[in-house]
N, C-alpha and C. Protein backbone atom coordinates (compact mmCIF):
# COMPACT_ATOMS: atom_id res chain seq x y z
N UNK A 1 151.15 77.32 66.19
CA UNK A 1 150.61 76.36 65.56
C UNK A 1 151.40 74.89 65.81
N UNK A 2 150.58 73.83 66.67
CA UNK A 2 151.07 72.64 67.03
C UNK A 2 152.07 71.90 65.39
N UNK A 3 152.96 71.08 65.94
CA UNK A 3 153.87 70.57 65.14
C UNK A 3 153.32 68.89 64.68
N UNK A 4 152.55 68.71 63.31
CA UNK A 4 152.15 67.35 62.77
C UNK A 4 153.52 66.18 62.49
N UNK A 5 153.45 65.74 63.18
CA UNK A 5 154.34 63.87 63.13
C UNK A 5 154.33 63.09 62.73
N UNK A 6 154.16 62.84 62.12
CA UNK A 6 153.00 61.24 61.63
C UNK A 6 151.74 61.46 62.37
N UNK A 7 151.07 62.53 61.48
CA UNK A 7 149.71 63.10 62.14
C UNK A 7 149.54 63.20 63.59
N UNK A 8 150.48 63.27 64.76
CA UNK A 8 149.93 63.68 65.56
C UNK A 8 150.56 64.87 65.74
N UNK A 9 149.48 65.01 66.52
CA UNK A 9 149.81 67.17 67.16
C UNK A 9 149.85 67.04 68.50
N UNK A 10 150.35 68.27 69.20
CA UNK A 10 149.78 68.55 70.69
C UNK A 10 148.86 69.03 70.16
N UNK A 11 147.64 68.60 71.61
CA UNK A 11 145.94 68.48 71.24
C UNK A 11 146.16 70.35 71.83
N UNK A 12 144.86 70.90 70.17
CA UNK A 12 145.05 72.08 70.58
C UNK A 12 143.49 72.59 71.36
N UNK A 13 143.72 72.16 72.50
CA UNK A 13 142.86 72.66 73.93
C UNK A 13 143.01 73.94 74.72
N UNK A 14 142.43 74.47 74.93
CA UNK A 14 142.28 75.18 76.47
C UNK A 14 143.74 74.53 77.63
N UNK A 15 142.87 73.11 78.02
CA UNK A 15 144.12 72.48 79.02
C UNK A 15 145.22 72.31 78.35
N UNK A 16 145.57 71.55 76.67
CA UNK A 16 146.70 71.76 76.60
C UNK A 16 147.78 72.86 76.07
N UNK A 17 147.35 74.01 76.38
CA UNK A 17 147.72 75.16 75.73
C UNK A 17 148.16 75.79 77.72
N UNK A 18 147.30 75.19 78.52
CA UNK A 18 147.86 75.57 80.07
C UNK A 18 148.96 74.98 80.48
N UNK A 19 149.11 73.60 79.90
CA UNK A 19 150.34 73.09 80.06
C UNK A 19 151.14 73.48 79.74
N UNK A 20 151.39 73.69 78.26
CA UNK A 20 151.98 74.06 77.74
C UNK A 20 153.00 75.14 77.99
N UNK A 21 151.91 76.25 78.62
CA UNK A 21 152.97 77.81 79.74
C UNK A 21 153.25 76.86 80.35
N UNK A 22 152.41 76.67 81.42
CA UNK A 22 153.36 75.87 82.94
C UNK A 22 154.26 75.93 82.87
N UNK A 23 154.84 74.64 81.68
CA UNK A 23 156.04 73.56 82.15
C UNK A 23 156.94 74.45 81.53
N UNK A 24 156.58 75.42 80.38
CA UNK A 24 157.83 76.48 79.79
C UNK A 24 158.16 77.46 80.63
N UNK A 25 157.34 77.56 81.49
CA UNK A 25 157.74 78.97 82.25
C UNK A 25 158.37 77.89 83.92
N UNK A 26 157.84 77.14 83.79
CA UNK A 26 158.26 76.23 85.00
C UNK A 26 159.68 75.32 84.64
N UNK A 27 160.30 74.49 83.64
CA UNK A 27 161.16 73.60 83.92
C UNK A 27 161.72 74.69 82.57
N UNK A 28 163.18 73.88 82.81
CA UNK A 28 164.14 73.95 81.93
C UNK A 28 164.05 74.11 80.28
N UNK A 29 164.18 74.06 79.81
CA UNK A 29 164.71 74.04 77.83
C UNK A 29 164.80 72.88 77.85
N UNK A 30 165.82 72.77 78.64
CA UNK A 30 166.35 70.66 78.31
C UNK A 30 165.14 69.92 78.88
N UNK A 31 164.45 69.94 80.59
CA UNK A 31 163.57 69.53 80.53
C UNK A 31 162.27 69.96 79.46
N UNK A 32 162.10 70.80 79.68
CA UNK A 32 160.85 71.13 77.99
C UNK A 32 160.64 70.17 77.06
N UNK A 33 161.74 70.46 76.37
CA UNK A 33 162.29 69.70 75.47
C UNK A 33 161.66 68.14 75.09
N UNK A 34 163.00 67.61 75.60
CA UNK A 34 163.15 66.72 76.14
C UNK A 34 161.06 65.54 76.33
N UNK A 35 160.31 66.54 77.59
CA UNK A 35 159.35 66.28 77.47
C UNK A 35 158.61 65.92 76.66
N UNK A 36 158.54 67.24 75.77
CA UNK A 36 157.95 67.18 74.63
C UNK A 36 157.94 66.21 73.79
N UNK A 37 159.29 65.55 73.79
CA UNK A 37 159.40 64.12 72.45
C UNK A 37 159.05 63.36 73.08
N UNK A 38 159.41 63.39 74.16
CA UNK A 38 158.46 61.92 75.66
C UNK A 38 157.08 62.20 75.26
N UNK A 39 156.02 62.77 74.88
CA UNK A 39 154.92 63.15 74.10
C UNK A 39 154.97 62.45 72.98
N UNK A 40 155.89 62.88 71.92
CA UNK A 40 155.79 62.30 70.46
C UNK A 40 156.16 60.78 70.71
N UNK A 41 157.25 60.61 70.99
CA UNK A 41 157.41 59.38 71.10
C UNK A 41 156.39 58.49 71.84
N UNK A 42 155.65 59.18 73.13
CA UNK A 42 155.13 58.40 73.47
C UNK A 42 153.18 58.17 72.33
N UNK A 43 152.74 59.03 71.41
CA UNK A 43 151.85 58.91 70.86
C UNK A 43 152.80 58.40 69.41
N UNK A 44 153.18 58.16 68.87
CA UNK A 44 153.91 57.21 67.85
C UNK A 44 153.59 55.76 68.72
N UNK A 45 154.09 55.65 69.34
CA UNK A 45 154.07 54.47 69.81
C UNK A 45 153.24 53.36 70.16
N UNK A 46 151.81 54.84 70.43
CA UNK A 46 150.41 54.26 70.86
C UNK A 46 149.87 54.29 69.51
N UNK A 47 150.46 54.75 68.53
CA UNK A 47 150.04 54.64 66.87
C UNK A 47 150.11 53.42 66.36
N UNK A 48 151.45 53.04 66.63
CA UNK A 48 152.13 51.43 65.95
C UNK A 48 151.41 50.74 66.65
N UNK A 49 151.16 50.44 68.64
CA UNK A 49 150.47 49.55 68.91
C UNK A 49 149.13 49.12 68.79
N UNK A 50 148.73 50.18 68.17
CA UNK A 50 146.86 50.27 68.19
C UNK A 50 145.98 50.93 68.83
N UNK A 51 146.77 51.67 70.38
CA UNK A 51 146.31 51.50 70.87
C UNK A 51 145.20 52.98 71.15
N UNK A 52 143.75 53.13 71.87
CA UNK A 52 143.46 54.15 72.45
C UNK A 52 143.47 55.19 73.16
N UNK A 53 143.91 56.47 72.92
CA UNK A 53 144.13 56.59 74.58
C UNK A 53 143.52 58.35 73.98
N UNK A 54 144.16 58.88 75.04
CA UNK A 54 143.22 60.55 75.08
C UNK A 54 144.36 61.67 75.60
N UNK A 55 144.15 62.08 73.87
CA UNK A 55 146.20 63.07 73.47
C UNK A 55 146.27 63.87 74.84
N UNK A 56 145.23 64.53 75.66
CA UNK A 56 145.32 65.68 76.60
C UNK A 56 146.01 64.50 77.36
N UNK A 57 145.33 63.82 78.00
CA UNK A 57 145.56 62.93 79.04
C UNK A 57 147.67 62.85 79.13
N UNK A 58 147.84 61.81 78.07
CA UNK A 58 148.92 61.63 77.84
C UNK A 58 150.16 62.84 77.52
N UNK A 59 149.65 63.85 76.94
CA UNK A 59 150.71 65.18 76.79
C UNK A 59 150.71 65.86 78.77
N UNK A 60 149.43 65.65 78.64
CA UNK A 60 149.57 66.76 80.23
C UNK A 60 150.88 65.44 81.16
N UNK A 61 150.85 64.36 81.39
CA UNK A 61 151.51 63.75 81.81
C UNK A 61 153.05 63.22 81.06
N UNK A 62 152.91 63.46 79.88
CA UNK A 62 154.81 63.25 79.85
C UNK A 62 155.20 64.62 79.70
N UNK A 63 154.23 66.18 79.76
CA UNK A 63 155.06 67.23 80.33
C UNK A 63 155.41 67.36 82.11
N UNK A 64 154.33 66.80 82.83
CA UNK A 64 154.61 67.19 83.86
C UNK A 64 155.52 66.15 84.31
N UNK A 65 155.60 64.50 83.74
CA UNK A 65 156.72 63.75 84.30
C UNK A 65 157.50 64.05 85.32
N UNK A 66 159.16 64.85 85.04
CA UNK A 66 159.77 65.53 85.26
C UNK A 66 159.47 66.94 86.07
N UNK A 67 158.18 67.23 85.91
CA UNK A 67 158.04 68.57 87.12
C UNK A 67 158.99 68.58 88.69
N UNK A 68 159.02 67.16 89.08
CA UNK A 68 159.33 67.24 90.53
C UNK A 68 160.61 67.40 90.23
N UNK A 69 161.26 67.93 89.37
CA UNK A 69 163.20 67.53 89.00
C UNK A 69 163.04 69.46 89.60
N UNK A 70 162.05 70.34 89.30
CA UNK A 70 161.62 71.73 89.74
C UNK A 70 162.40 71.92 91.44
N UNK A 71 163.15 73.16 90.92
CA UNK A 71 162.62 73.49 92.18
C UNK A 71 161.19 73.74 92.98
N UNK A 72 160.09 74.33 92.16
CA UNK A 72 158.94 74.93 92.18
C UNK A 72 158.34 73.86 93.00
N UNK A 73 158.54 72.74 92.32
CA UNK A 73 157.83 71.81 92.93
C UNK A 73 158.95 70.07 93.13
N UNK A 74 159.39 70.66 93.44
CA UNK A 74 160.00 69.53 94.71
C UNK A 74 160.27 69.40 96.34
N UNK A 75 159.58 68.48 96.82
CA UNK A 75 159.23 68.26 98.23
C UNK A 75 160.55 67.89 98.56
N UNK A 76 160.98 67.45 99.39
CA UNK A 76 161.88 67.56 101.13
C UNK A 76 161.90 66.08 101.05
N UNK A 77 160.81 65.69 100.92
CA UNK A 77 160.95 63.94 101.14
C UNK A 77 160.07 63.46 100.39
N UNK A 78 159.40 63.44 99.38
CA UNK A 78 159.05 62.41 98.23
C UNK A 78 159.58 62.46 97.12
N UNK A 79 160.11 61.05 96.20
CA UNK A 79 160.21 60.80 95.51
C UNK A 79 160.04 61.69 94.13
N UNK A 80 160.06 61.81 93.44
CA UNK A 80 160.41 63.56 92.98
C UNK A 80 159.60 63.07 91.74
N UNK A 81 159.26 61.38 91.10
CA UNK A 81 157.79 61.44 90.69
C UNK A 81 157.03 61.71 91.13
N UNK A 82 156.55 61.88 92.57
CA UNK A 82 154.99 61.95 93.05
C UNK A 82 155.24 63.60 93.39
N UNK A 83 156.06 63.92 93.19
CA UNK A 83 155.82 64.75 93.71
C UNK A 83 155.87 66.06 92.15
N UNK A 84 155.77 65.03 90.67
CA UNK A 84 155.38 65.53 89.06
C UNK A 84 154.09 65.32 89.13
N UNK A 85 153.73 63.60 89.71
CA UNK A 85 152.60 63.60 90.21
C UNK A 85 151.38 64.33 90.60
N UNK A 86 152.15 64.72 91.69
CA UNK A 86 151.17 65.56 92.66
C UNK A 86 150.94 66.92 91.90
N UNK A 87 152.04 67.46 90.67
CA UNK A 87 151.58 68.87 90.58
C UNK A 87 150.77 68.45 89.25
N UNK A 88 150.55 68.00 88.67
CA UNK A 88 149.65 67.62 88.03
C UNK A 88 148.64 67.44 88.73
N UNK A 89 148.35 67.21 89.24
CA UNK A 89 146.88 66.35 90.19
C UNK A 89 146.56 67.95 90.55
N UNK A 90 147.34 68.50 90.78
CA UNK A 90 147.06 70.51 91.50
C UNK A 90 146.01 70.84 90.18
N UNK A 91 147.23 70.59 89.35
CA UNK A 91 146.19 71.16 87.76
C UNK A 91 145.56 70.75 86.98
N UNK A 92 145.27 69.54 87.19
CA UNK A 92 143.97 68.60 86.40
C UNK A 92 142.84 69.15 86.94
N UNK A 93 143.16 69.20 89.00
CA UNK A 93 141.45 69.55 89.39
C UNK A 93 141.54 70.86 88.91
N UNK A 94 142.70 71.94 89.08
CA UNK A 94 142.43 73.28 88.72
C UNK A 94 141.54 73.35 87.54
N UNK A 95 141.52 72.84 86.73
CA UNK A 95 140.64 72.31 85.07
C UNK A 95 139.42 71.94 85.34
N UNK A 96 139.63 71.63 86.43
CA UNK A 96 137.52 70.74 86.69
C UNK A 96 137.65 68.50 86.00
N UNK A 97 138.78 68.31 85.73
CA UNK A 97 139.11 67.01 84.80
C UNK A 97 138.61 66.00 86.50
N UNK A 98 138.09 65.37 85.71
CA UNK A 98 137.51 64.07 86.39
C UNK A 98 138.39 63.25 87.34
N UNK A 99 138.40 62.56 88.19
CA UNK A 99 138.93 62.03 89.17
C UNK A 99 139.44 60.92 88.68
N UNK A 100 138.51 59.83 87.91
CA UNK A 100 139.64 59.10 87.32
C UNK A 100 140.58 58.81 86.50
N UNK A 101 140.52 60.35 85.88
CA UNK A 101 141.05 60.43 84.65
C UNK A 101 142.43 61.27 85.27
N UNK A 102 142.41 62.58 86.43
CA UNK A 102 143.57 62.73 87.15
C UNK A 102 143.99 61.12 87.51
N UNK A 103 143.78 60.15 88.03
CA UNK A 103 144.36 59.49 88.93
C UNK A 103 145.31 58.48 87.73
N UNK A 104 145.13 58.64 86.22
CA UNK A 104 145.60 57.94 84.87
C UNK A 104 146.96 58.27 85.09
N UNK A 105 146.40 60.19 85.10
CA UNK A 105 147.26 60.71 84.76
C UNK A 105 149.00 60.28 85.81
N UNK A 106 148.75 60.12 87.42
CA UNK A 106 149.01 60.26 87.95
C UNK A 106 150.31 59.60 88.20
N UNK A 107 149.09 58.22 88.09
CA UNK A 107 149.68 56.62 87.97
C UNK A 107 151.08 56.68 86.89
N UNK A 108 150.53 57.75 85.82
CA UNK A 108 151.15 57.57 84.58
C UNK A 108 153.06 58.14 85.36
N UNK A 109 152.42 59.14 86.26
CA UNK A 109 153.97 59.66 86.14
C UNK A 109 155.15 59.28 87.62
N UNK A 110 153.96 59.12 88.32
CA UNK A 110 154.09 58.08 89.10
C UNK A 110 154.97 56.75 88.62
N UNK A 111 154.90 56.63 88.17
CA UNK A 111 155.42 54.86 87.66
C UNK A 111 157.13 55.05 86.72
N UNK A 112 156.67 56.45 86.26
CA UNK A 112 157.36 56.43 84.09
C UNK A 112 158.96 56.06 85.18
N UNK A 113 159.01 55.43 86.24
CA UNK A 113 160.89 55.51 86.40
C UNK A 113 160.66 54.00 87.47
N UNK A 114 159.29 52.72 87.25
CA UNK A 114 159.10 52.08 87.43
C UNK A 114 159.27 50.64 86.15
N UNK A 115 160.53 49.86 86.02
CA UNK A 115 160.42 49.36 84.10
C UNK A 115 159.95 48.05 84.82
N UNK A 116 158.76 47.33 83.38
CA UNK A 116 158.17 47.01 83.56
C UNK A 116 156.51 46.23 84.39
N UNK A 117 156.31 47.47 84.72
CA UNK A 117 154.58 47.30 85.32
C UNK A 117 153.79 48.35 84.29
N UNK A 118 153.87 49.57 84.08
CA UNK A 118 152.90 50.54 83.16
C UNK A 118 152.92 49.78 81.97
N UNK A 119 153.83 49.15 80.93
CA UNK A 119 153.19 48.35 80.26
C UNK A 119 152.13 47.17 80.01
N UNK A 120 151.99 46.90 81.02
CA UNK A 120 150.76 45.93 81.09
C UNK A 120 149.16 47.62 82.13
N UNK A 121 149.55 48.56 81.92
CA UNK A 121 148.38 49.33 82.56
C UNK A 121 148.00 49.89 80.96
N UNK A 122 146.78 51.46 81.82
CA UNK A 122 146.18 52.00 81.15
C UNK A 122 146.83 52.84 79.81
N UNK A 123 146.89 52.59 79.12
CA UNK A 123 147.55 53.31 77.65
C UNK A 123 148.20 54.27 78.03
N UNK A 124 147.69 55.21 78.65
CA UNK A 124 148.76 56.87 78.83
C UNK A 124 149.55 56.63 80.20
N UNK A 125 148.98 55.19 81.12
CA UNK A 125 150.49 55.44 81.48
C UNK A 125 151.79 54.08 81.11
N UNK A 126 151.54 53.19 80.35
CA UNK A 126 152.33 52.33 79.36
C UNK A 126 152.84 53.62 78.22
N UNK A 127 152.53 54.83 78.16
CA UNK A 127 153.21 55.58 76.61
C UNK A 127 153.79 56.59 77.14
N UNK A 128 153.31 57.20 78.66
CA UNK A 128 154.68 58.13 79.17
C UNK A 128 155.81 57.15 79.22
N UNK A 129 155.85 56.01 80.12
CA UNK A 129 157.23 55.24 80.20
C UNK A 129 157.23 55.22 78.41
N UNK A 130 156.65 54.69 77.79
CA UNK A 130 157.43 53.73 76.56
C UNK A 130 158.11 55.51 75.89
N UNK A 131 157.55 57.02 75.79
CA UNK A 131 157.85 57.86 75.77
C UNK A 131 159.86 58.35 76.43
N UNK A 132 159.50 57.75 77.45
CA UNK A 132 160.68 58.38 78.59
C UNK A 132 161.91 57.67 78.22
N UNK A 133 161.66 56.05 77.83
CA UNK A 133 162.92 54.75 78.08
C UNK A 133 162.98 55.33 76.26
N UNK A 134 162.19 55.78 75.61
CA UNK A 134 162.76 55.80 74.09
C UNK A 134 163.97 57.67 74.24
N UNK A 135 163.08 58.66 75.08
CA UNK A 135 164.21 59.25 75.08
C UNK A 135 165.35 58.88 76.02
N UNK A 136 165.07 58.68 76.75
CA UNK A 136 166.50 58.83 77.67
C UNK A 136 167.80 58.00 77.69
N UNK A 137 166.39 56.69 77.16
CA UNK A 137 167.28 55.13 77.38
C UNK A 137 167.66 54.66 75.91
N UNK A 138 166.95 55.26 74.93
CA UNK A 138 167.24 54.34 73.62
C UNK A 138 166.55 53.23 73.41
N UNK A 139 165.52 52.55 74.12
CA UNK A 139 165.21 51.57 74.57
C UNK A 139 164.53 50.26 73.74
N UNK A 140 163.96 51.56 72.50
CA UNK A 140 163.20 51.00 71.46
C UNK A 140 163.49 51.96 70.50
N UNK A 141 164.55 52.57 70.46
CA UNK A 141 165.49 53.32 68.93
C UNK A 141 165.14 52.88 67.81
N UNK A 142 164.99 51.60 67.74
CA UNK A 142 165.31 50.57 66.36
C UNK A 142 163.67 50.95 65.73
N UNK A 143 162.57 51.19 66.54
CA UNK A 143 160.71 50.48 66.55
C UNK A 143 160.40 52.02 65.75
N UNK A 144 161.49 52.90 65.64
CA UNK A 144 161.30 54.63 65.36
C UNK A 144 161.94 54.70 63.79
N UNK A 145 160.82 55.16 63.13
CA UNK A 145 161.97 55.34 61.82
C UNK A 145 162.55 56.71 61.84
N UNK A 146 163.79 56.79 60.66
CA UNK A 146 164.78 57.75 60.88
C UNK A 146 164.06 58.33 60.66
N UNK A 147 162.47 59.20 59.99
CA UNK A 147 161.96 60.56 59.65
C UNK A 147 161.32 60.63 60.77
N UNK A 148 160.94 59.84 61.43
CA UNK A 148 160.19 59.84 62.81
C UNK A 148 161.02 60.45 63.89
N UNK A 149 162.25 60.14 64.18
CA UNK A 149 163.59 60.45 65.25
C UNK A 149 163.70 62.03 64.82
N UNK A 150 164.06 62.10 63.07
CA UNK A 150 164.39 63.17 63.47
C UNK A 150 163.47 64.73 62.77
N UNK A 151 162.76 64.45 62.84
CA UNK A 151 161.00 65.34 62.65
C UNK A 151 161.35 65.52 64.21
N UNK A 152 161.02 64.14 65.66
CA UNK A 152 160.86 65.00 66.43
C UNK A 152 162.07 65.83 67.02
N UNK A 153 163.46 65.26 66.82
CA UNK A 153 164.22 65.97 67.46
C UNK A 153 164.59 67.39 66.87
N UNK A 154 163.98 67.65 65.43
CA UNK A 154 164.19 68.76 64.68
C UNK A 154 162.99 70.07 65.31
N UNK A 155 161.99 69.44 65.76
CA UNK A 155 161.06 70.34 66.87
C UNK A 155 161.33 70.44 67.46
N UNK A 156 161.55 69.40 69.13
CA UNK A 156 162.52 69.95 70.03
C UNK A 156 163.47 68.83 70.78
N UNK A 157 164.66 70.28 70.39
CA UNK A 157 166.32 69.44 70.00
C UNK A 157 166.83 69.14 71.20
N UNK A 158 167.70 68.04 70.83
CA UNK A 158 168.42 67.28 71.86
C UNK A 158 169.57 68.50 72.29
N UNK A 159 170.11 68.75 73.29
CA UNK A 159 171.00 69.60 73.77
C UNK A 159 172.33 68.27 73.63
N UNK A 160 173.52 69.40 72.85
CA UNK A 160 175.02 68.24 72.13
C UNK A 160 175.46 67.34 72.21
N UNK A 161 175.21 67.44 74.61
CA UNK A 161 175.21 66.89 75.42
C UNK A 161 174.32 66.32 76.21
N UNK A 162 173.19 65.87 75.55
CA UNK A 162 171.97 65.78 76.18
C UNK A 162 172.16 64.57 77.31
N UNK A 163 172.77 63.30 77.26
CA UNK A 163 172.98 61.90 77.93
C UNK A 163 173.44 62.91 79.08
N UNK A 164 174.50 62.96 79.06
CA UNK A 164 174.85 63.89 80.21
C UNK A 164 174.71 65.22 80.73
N UNK A 165 173.74 65.44 79.94
CA UNK A 165 172.70 66.92 80.70
C UNK A 165 171.55 66.67 81.01
N UNK A 166 170.71 65.42 81.01
CA UNK A 166 169.89 64.63 81.94
C UNK A 166 170.13 64.01 82.71
N UNK A 167 171.26 63.35 83.44
CA UNK A 167 171.88 63.43 84.37
C UNK A 167 172.39 63.94 85.14
N UNK A 168 172.62 64.91 84.97
CA UNK A 168 173.30 66.19 85.56
C UNK A 168 171.79 66.55 86.43
N UNK A 169 170.71 66.63 84.88
CA UNK A 169 169.06 67.27 85.76
C UNK A 169 168.68 66.57 86.74
N UNK A 170 169.11 65.06 86.51
CA UNK A 170 168.27 63.89 87.69
C UNK A 170 169.12 64.09 88.92
N UNK A 171 170.14 64.60 89.27
CA UNK A 171 170.89 64.70 90.21
C UNK A 171 170.75 65.88 91.25
N UNK A 172 170.61 66.86 90.25
CA UNK A 172 170.12 68.57 90.98
C UNK A 172 168.68 68.96 91.47
N UNK A 173 168.09 67.88 90.48
CA UNK A 173 166.98 67.84 91.11
C UNK A 173 165.97 66.66 92.60
N UNK A 174 167.05 65.63 92.63
CA UNK A 174 166.98 64.62 93.45
C UNK A 174 168.04 64.53 95.06
N UNK A 175 169.68 65.53 94.63
CA UNK A 175 170.79 65.02 95.81
C UNK A 175 170.19 65.30 97.10
N UNK A 176 169.29 66.77 97.19
CA UNK A 176 169.07 66.84 98.18
C UNK A 176 168.22 66.18 99.22
N UNK A 177 168.17 64.70 98.61
CA UNK A 177 167.17 63.76 99.56
C UNK A 177 167.18 62.44 98.81
N UNK A 178 168.11 62.11 99.20
CA UNK A 178 168.66 60.71 98.11
C UNK A 178 168.38 59.36 99.13
N UNK A 179 167.57 59.68 100.25
CA UNK A 179 166.87 59.07 100.52
C UNK A 179 165.57 58.08 100.19
N UNK A 180 164.96 59.19 99.17
CA UNK A 180 163.95 58.83 97.96
C UNK A 180 164.57 57.72 97.18
N UNK A 181 165.52 58.06 96.72
CA UNK A 181 165.94 57.34 95.56
C UNK A 181 165.93 55.34 95.70
N UNK A 182 166.04 55.48 97.48
CA UNK A 182 165.79 53.66 98.06
C UNK A 182 164.71 52.52 96.47
N UNK A 183 165.42 51.14 96.31
CA UNK A 183 164.65 51.01 95.90
C UNK A 183 164.53 51.02 94.15
N UNK A 184 164.58 52.42 93.26
CA UNK A 184 164.22 52.70 92.63
C UNK A 184 165.58 53.11 91.64
N UNK A 185 166.00 52.95 90.36
CA UNK A 185 166.61 53.74 89.02
C UNK A 185 167.74 55.14 89.23
N UNK A 186 167.45 55.90 90.03
CA UNK A 186 167.23 57.36 90.60
C UNK A 186 169.36 57.03 91.72
N UNK A 187 168.85 56.10 92.29
CA UNK A 187 170.01 55.92 92.86
C UNK A 187 171.57 55.51 92.39
N UNK A 188 171.43 54.74 90.99
CA UNK A 188 171.80 54.91 90.24
C UNK A 188 173.19 56.26 89.98
N UNK A 189 171.80 57.04 89.50
CA UNK A 189 172.35 58.94 89.47
C UNK A 189 173.07 59.44 90.29
N UNK A 190 172.62 59.10 92.35
CA UNK A 190 173.19 59.86 93.23
C UNK A 190 174.89 59.14 92.85
N UNK A 191 174.82 57.87 93.23
CA UNK A 191 176.30 56.89 93.17
C UNK A 191 176.74 57.16 91.95
N UNK A 192 176.36 57.88 90.44
CA UNK A 192 178.03 58.11 89.67
C UNK A 192 178.11 59.62 90.18
N UNK A 193 177.07 60.45 91.19
CA UNK A 193 177.48 61.62 91.14
C UNK A 193 178.67 61.69 91.92
N UNK A 194 178.04 61.23 93.66
CA UNK A 194 178.43 61.51 94.18
C UNK A 194 179.45 59.93 95.12
N UNK A 195 180.43 60.59 95.32
CA UNK A 195 181.19 59.24 95.69
C UNK A 195 180.67 58.81 97.15
N UNK A 196 180.18 59.92 97.86
CA UNK A 196 180.38 59.42 99.34
C UNK A 196 178.41 59.05 99.68
N UNK A 197 177.81 59.11 98.68
CA UNK A 197 176.14 58.13 98.75
C UNK A 197 176.52 56.78 98.92
N UNK A 198 176.17 56.49 99.87
CA UNK A 198 175.81 54.79 100.08
C UNK A 198 174.42 54.70 99.47
N UNK A 199 174.19 53.77 98.98
CA UNK A 199 172.45 53.86 98.78
C UNK A 199 172.18 52.28 99.63
N UNK A 200 170.41 52.31 99.89
CA UNK A 200 169.90 51.66 100.74
C UNK A 200 170.15 50.09 100.11
N UNK A 201 170.15 49.45 101.25
CA UNK A 201 170.13 47.85 100.77
C UNK A 201 168.94 46.90 101.35
N UNK A 202 168.32 46.55 100.74
CA UNK A 202 166.75 45.96 100.80
C UNK A 202 167.10 45.07 101.93
N UNK A 203 168.17 43.86 101.84
CA UNK A 203 168.26 42.91 102.38
C UNK A 203 168.65 43.57 103.84
N UNK A 204 169.40 44.44 103.88
CA UNK A 204 170.11 45.11 105.31
C UNK A 204 168.76 45.18 106.28
N UNK A 205 168.15 45.90 105.61
CA UNK A 205 166.18 46.53 105.83
C UNK A 205 165.89 45.52 106.44
N UNK A 206 165.89 44.73 105.63
CA UNK A 206 164.97 42.92 106.22
C UNK A 206 165.95 42.55 108.09
N UNK A 207 167.10 42.54 107.61
CA UNK A 207 168.04 42.16 108.70
C UNK A 207 167.99 42.70 110.22
N UNK A 208 167.77 44.30 109.73
CA UNK A 208 168.36 45.10 110.82
C UNK A 208 166.73 45.68 111.35
N UNK A 209 165.26 44.69 110.94
CA UNK A 209 163.98 44.85 111.30
C UNK A 209 164.30 44.69 113.26
N UNK A 210 163.18 44.59 113.21
CA UNK A 210 162.52 44.53 114.97
C UNK A 210 162.35 43.41 115.02
N UNK A 211 162.29 42.30 113.62
CA UNK A 211 161.19 41.11 114.12
C UNK A 211 162.17 40.28 114.59
N UNK A 212 161.69 39.52 114.78
CA UNK A 212 163.41 38.06 115.20
C UNK A 212 163.08 37.35 114.91
N UNK A 213 164.02 35.90 114.26
CA UNK A 213 164.41 35.34 114.02
C UNK A 213 165.05 35.55 112.24
């Protein structure tokens, strides 16, 4: 039975059950619990803001948002966010979900590490990022009550050293394709973990292009 936190539950539907089963069987416990918390924190944020959203779509976006870090869904040359988005796309197509809804979930996952943009988009897009920013970065920590935070963490525990554990999980999921971190926050992860990593420079790309002048 789904846990109710502030009136919010994981949808009791065939689609949501399929999402849960797939992610539980594929991702680590760390990522499964993190993604579950992202759903609840995102849904609570939506409730606070009075946003209307489809819980199934939000749940799918939240649960698939880090699937690109897993071996089964990691490509050789795409950003991990795109890998996760593509995994969700395949899953939703297999369940006959409308293309417009698939596009929404795809966008929510693909943009979840791109600050400043998702909050202006469809509620599902905005709330996946809101949940991630709360659980990983704690940016909106004080916007949740003690009871809400404690209930979510009790249901889906954070590891004793979650901050370092999640950074390590990010690194493990992207270290084989460092070029995909150009221009995004995951370059910071590689710089933190790999002393030999050299991040790309936007200005160097401009100056080294084939254009004259």
